Amino acid sequence: MPQLLPYFFVNQILFAIFSLFTIIFVFSRYVLPYFVHLFTSRVYIRKL
């Protein structure tokens, strides 16, 4: 049973931390600025 081995938990924790860091980095670098740009352009278009 691999669940009883200690490095199994270490591997899972490290993979989870790495995955969360990657997802947060991708969202903050690429996804969220797109939405900010979209909303600001909507505000400027609405003010016209």
N, C-alpha and C. Protein backbone atom coordinates (compact mmCIF):
# COMPACT_ATOMS: atom_id res chain seq x y z
N MET A 1 0.84 -1.18 0.00
CA MET A 1 0.00 0.00 0.00
C MET A 1 0.89 1.25 0.00
N PRO A 2 0.85 2.04 -1.06
CA PRO A 2 1.75 3.21 -1.10
C PRO A 2 1.33 4.32 -0.14
N GLN A 3 0.10 4.28 0.39
CA GLN A 3 -0.33 5.34 1.30
C GLN A 3 0.40 5.29 2.64
N LEU A 4 0.99 4.16 2.96
CA LEU A 4 1.67 4.04 4.25
C LEU A 4 3.12 4.53 4.19
N LEU A 5 3.63 4.79 3.02
CA LEU A 5 5.01 5.25 2.90
C LEU A 5 5.07 6.75 3.15
N PRO A 6 6.07 7.20 3.92
CA PRO A 6 6.10 8.63 4.27
C PRO A 6 6.37 9.53 3.07
N TYR A 7 7.18 9.09 2.12
CA TYR A 7 7.46 9.98 0.99
C TYR A 7 6.26 10.11 0.05
N PHE A 8 5.26 9.24 0.21
CA PHE A 8 4.03 9.37 -0.57
C PHE A 8 3.31 10.66 -0.18
N PHE A 9 3.23 10.93 1.14
CA PHE A 9 2.58 12.15 1.62
C PHE A 9 3.40 13.38 1.27
N VAL A 10 4.72 13.27 1.37
CA VAL A 10 5.58 14.40 1.01
C VAL A 10 5.42 14.71 -0.46
N ASN A 11 5.34 13.69 -1.29
CA ASN A 11 5.16 13.89 -2.72
C ASN A 11 3.82 14.55 -3.00
N GLN A 12 2.77 14.11 -2.32
CA GLN A 12 1.45 14.71 -2.53
C GLN A 12 1.42 16.17 -2.09
N ILE A 13 2.03 16.47 -0.95
CA ILE A 13 2.03 17.84 -0.44
C ILE A 13 2.84 18.75 -1.37
N LEU A 14 4.00 18.28 -1.81
CA LEU A 14 4.81 19.10 -2.70
C LEU A 14 4.12 19.31 -4.04
N PHE A 15 3.48 18.30 -4.56
CA PHE A 15 2.75 18.45 -5.82
C PHE A 15 1.58 19.41 -5.66
N ALA A 16 0.89 19.35 -4.52
CA ALA A 16 -0.24 20.26 -4.28
C ALA A 16 0.25 21.70 -4.17
N ILE A 17 1.34 21.92 -3.44
CA ILE A 17 1.88 23.28 -3.29
C ILE A 17 2.34 23.80 -4.65
N PHE A 18 3.03 22.97 -5.41
CA PHE A 18 3.49 23.40 -6.73
C PHE A 18 2.32 23.69 -7.66
N SER A 19 1.29 22.88 -7.60
CA SER A 19 0.12 23.11 -8.45
C SER A 19 -0.59 24.40 -8.08
N LEU A 20 -0.78 24.62 -6.79
CA LEU A 20 -1.43 25.86 -6.35
C LEU A 20 -0.61 27.08 -6.74
N PHE A 21 0.71 27.01 -6.56
CA PHE A 21 1.56 28.13 -6.94
C PHE A 21 1.47 28.39 -8.44
N THR A 22 1.46 27.33 -9.25
CA THR A 22 1.37 27.49 -10.70
C THR A 22 0.03 28.09 -11.10
N ILE A 23 -1.05 27.61 -10.50
CA ILE A 23 -2.37 28.14 -10.84
C ILE A 23 -2.49 29.61 -10.43
N ILE A 24 -2.01 29.95 -9.24
CA ILE A 24 -2.08 31.34 -8.78
C ILE A 24 -1.22 32.23 -9.68
N PHE A 25 -0.05 31.76 -10.07
CA PHE A 25 0.83 32.55 -10.93
C PHE A 25 0.19 32.78 -12.30
N VAL A 26 -0.37 31.73 -12.89
CA VAL A 26 -0.99 31.87 -14.21
C VAL A 26 -2.19 32.81 -14.14
N PHE A 27 -3.01 32.66 -13.11
CA PHE A 27 -4.17 33.54 -12.98
C PHE A 27 -3.74 34.99 -12.78
N SER A 28 -2.78 35.24 -11.90
CA SER A 28 -2.40 36.61 -11.61
C SER A 28 -1.62 37.24 -12.76
N ARG A 29 -0.97 36.44 -13.56
CA ARG A 29 -0.14 36.99 -14.64
C ARG A 29 -0.91 37.15 -15.95
N TYR A 30 -1.81 36.24 -16.26
CA TYR A 30 -2.44 36.22 -17.57
C TYR A 30 -3.96 36.39 -17.53
N VAL A 31 -4.64 35.73 -16.63
CA VAL A 31 -6.11 35.70 -16.68
C VAL A 31 -6.71 36.96 -16.08
N LEU A 32 -6.29 37.32 -14.86
CA LEU A 32 -6.91 38.45 -14.18
C LEU A 32 -6.64 39.80 -14.87
N PRO A 33 -5.45 40.09 -15.40
CA PRO A 33 -5.29 41.36 -16.13
C PRO A 33 -6.19 41.46 -17.36
N TYR A 34 -6.52 40.34 -17.96
CA TYR A 34 -7.44 40.37 -19.09
C TYR A 34 -8.81 40.87 -18.65
N PHE A 35 -9.30 40.37 -17.50
CA PHE A 35 -10.60 40.80 -17.02
C PHE A 35 -10.57 42.26 -16.58
N VAL A 36 -9.47 42.70 -15.98
CA VAL A 36 -9.35 44.11 -15.59
C VAL A 36 -9.38 44.99 -16.83
N HIS A 37 -8.67 44.59 -17.86
CA HIS A 37 -8.68 45.36 -19.11
C HIS A 37 -10.08 45.37 -19.72
N LEU A 38 -10.76 44.25 -19.67
CA LEU A 38 -12.12 44.17 -20.21
C LEU A 38 -13.07 45.08 -19.46
N PHE A 39 -12.99 45.07 -18.13
CA PHE A 39 -13.91 45.90 -17.34
C PHE A 39 -13.60 47.38 -17.51
N THR A 40 -12.32 47.76 -17.58
CA THR A 40 -12.00 49.18 -17.77
C THR A 40 -12.45 49.65 -19.14
N SER A 41 -12.29 48.82 -20.15
CA SER A 41 -12.78 49.22 -21.47
C SER A 41 -14.30 49.33 -21.48
N ARG A 42 -14.99 48.49 -20.73
CA ARG A 42 -16.45 48.62 -20.62
C ARG A 42 -16.84 49.93 -19.94
N VAL A 43 -16.09 50.32 -18.92
CA VAL A 43 -16.38 51.58 -18.22
C VAL A 43 -16.17 52.75 -19.16
N TYR A 44 -15.07 52.75 -19.93
CA TYR A 44 -14.81 53.85 -20.86
C TYR A 44 -15.85 53.91 -21.96
N ILE A 45 -16.28 52.76 -22.45
CA ILE A 45 -17.31 52.74 -23.50
C ILE A 45 -18.64 53.23 -22.92
N ARG A 46 -18.96 52.88 -21.70
CA ARG A 46 -20.22 53.30 -21.08
C ARG A 46 -20.24 54.82 -20.86
N LYS A 47 -19.07 55.42 -20.59
CA LYS A 47 -19.02 56.87 -20.34
C LYS A 47 -19.13 57.68 -21.62
N LEU A 48 -19.00 57.08 -22.77
CA LEU A 48 -19.07 57.83 -24.03
C LEU A 48 -20.46 58.35 -24.32
